[in-house]
Protein backbone atom coordinates (compact mmCIF):
# COMPACT_ATOMS: atom_id res chain seq x y z
CA MET A 1 0.00 0.00 0.00
CA SER A 2 1.63 3.27 -1.05
CA ARG A 3 0.67 6.54 0.53
CA ARG A 4 0.70 9.75 -1.39
CA PRO A 5 2.06 12.73 0.49
CA ARG A 6 -0.57 15.25 1.49
CA PRO A 7 -0.55 18.48 -0.47
CA LEU A 8 0.91 21.55 1.20
CA THR A 9 -1.48 23.77 3.10
CA ALA A 10 -1.97 27.35 1.94
CA ARG A 11 0.08 28.59 4.89
CA GLN A 12 2.92 26.16 4.14
CA GLU A 13 2.94 27.30 0.52
CA ALA A 14 3.07 30.92 1.66
CA VAL A 15 6.00 30.24 3.99
CA LEU A 16 7.86 28.36 1.26
CA ALA A 17 7.24 31.19 -1.21
CA VAL A 18 8.61 33.77 1.26
CA ILE A 19 11.73 31.67 1.78
CA LYS A 20 12.29 31.23 -1.97
CA VAL A 21 11.95 34.96 -2.69
CA TRP A 22 14.06 35.93 0.30
CA LEU A 23 16.87 33.55 -0.66
CA ALA A 24 16.83 34.82 -4.25
CA GLU A 25 16.92 38.47 -3.20
CA ARG A 26 19.28 38.36 -0.22
CA GLY A 27 21.20 35.08 -0.41
CA HIS A 28 20.22 33.98 3.10
CA GLY A 29 17.02 32.86 4.73
CA PRO A 30 14.57 35.14 6.55
CA THR A 31 14.13 35.13 10.31
CA VAL A 32 11.01 33.69 11.90
CA ARG A 33 9.71 37.21 12.59
CA GLU A 34 10.34 38.30 9.00
CA ILE A 35 8.41 35.31 7.67
CA GLY A 36 5.56 36.04 10.09
CA ALA A 37 5.40 39.67 8.99
CA ARG A 38 5.24 38.68 5.32
CA ILE A 39 2.45 36.11 5.71
CA GLY A 40 0.49 37.88 8.44
CA LEU A 41 1.33 35.74 11.48
CA ALA A 42 2.21 37.54 14.70
CA SER A 43 3.07 34.38 16.62
CA THR A 44 6.64 33.20 16.11
CA SER A 45 5.58 29.85 17.52
CA SER A 46 3.11 29.26 14.68
CA VAL A 47 5.74 30.27 12.09
CA ALA A 48 8.25 27.89 13.71
CA HIS A 49 5.61 25.15 13.61
CA GLN A 50 5.12 25.65 9.86
CA LEU A 51 8.90 25.63 9.33
CA GLY A 52 9.14 22.41 11.30
CA ARG A 53 6.46 20.78 9.15
CA LEU A 54 8.26 21.85 5.96
CA GLU A 55 11.52 20.50 7.36
CA ALA A 56 9.83 17.20 8.27
CA ARG A 57 8.57 16.91 4.68
CA GLY A 58 12.11 17.42 3.41
CA LEU A 59 11.40 20.69 1.60
CA ILE A 60 13.76 22.84 3.66
CA SER A 61 16.62 22.18 6.02
CA ARG A 62 18.60 24.22 8.52
CA THR A 63 22.33 24.57 8.11
CA GLY A 64 22.62 26.12 11.55
CA ARG A 65 20.67 26.37 14.73
CA ASP A 66 18.32 29.16 13.68
CA TRP A 67 15.94 29.36 10.75
CA SER A 68 17.75 32.22 9.01
CA LYS A 69 20.27 29.65 7.90
CA CYS A 70 17.67 27.49 6.17
CA VAL A 71 18.07 26.27 2.61
CA LEU A 72 15.68 24.78 0.11
CA VAL A 73 16.15 21.09 -0.46
CA GLU A 74 16.35 20.17 -4.13
CA GLU A 75 13.83 17.57 -5.20
CA GLN A 76 15.43 14.25 -6.00
CA PRO A 77 14.55 12.79 -9.40
CA ALA A 78 12.11 9.92 -9.16
CA ARG A 79 13.85 6.55 -9.21
CA ARG A 80 12.39 3.68 -11.07
CA PRO A 81 12.30 0.44 -9.08
CA GLY A 82 14.78 -2.21 -10.13
CA LEU A 83 17.39 0.17 -11.52
CA ARG A 84 20.64 0.70 -9.69
CA SER A 85 23.16 3.45 -10.03
CA ARG A 86 26.46 2.55 -11.65
CA GLY A 87 28.18 5.72 -10.45
CA PRO A 88 30.65 6.09 -7.58
CA GLY A 89 29.40 4.45 -4.43
CA ALA A 90 26.88 2.28 -6.26
CA GLY A 91 25.73 -0.64 -4.17
CA VAL A 92 27.21 0.77 -0.95
CA ASP A 93 25.02 0.96 2.15
CA VAL A 94 25.00 3.85 4.60
CA TYR A 95 28.02 2.38 6.38
CA GLY A 96 30.10 2.15 3.22
CA ARG A 97 29.84 -1.64 2.97
CA ARG A 98 29.08 -3.50 -0.22
CA PRO A 99 26.56 -6.36 -0.03
CA ALA A 100 27.94 -9.88 -0.18
CA SER A 101 27.75 -11.37 -3.68
């Protein structure tokens, strides 16, 4: 049984749009307060909650402790089942071991 991911909420889309524009214009991510001011949220807690949900979905990630150092995560191309990479590190697990033949 495969589950489709839920679509983004309107608020999550708004937060993501603010981050994209901010990164393009300034080269670094906005603060929680700056995001809240742009989307009309006064509560930093609710902005942080939305950022946490986007991070959990793998759409953004923090490079530091605070959210102003967040980056957009590039979408990975869809992999077709049964095909393996032949590039460097192909067939290596997360510990760097190759499976026994």
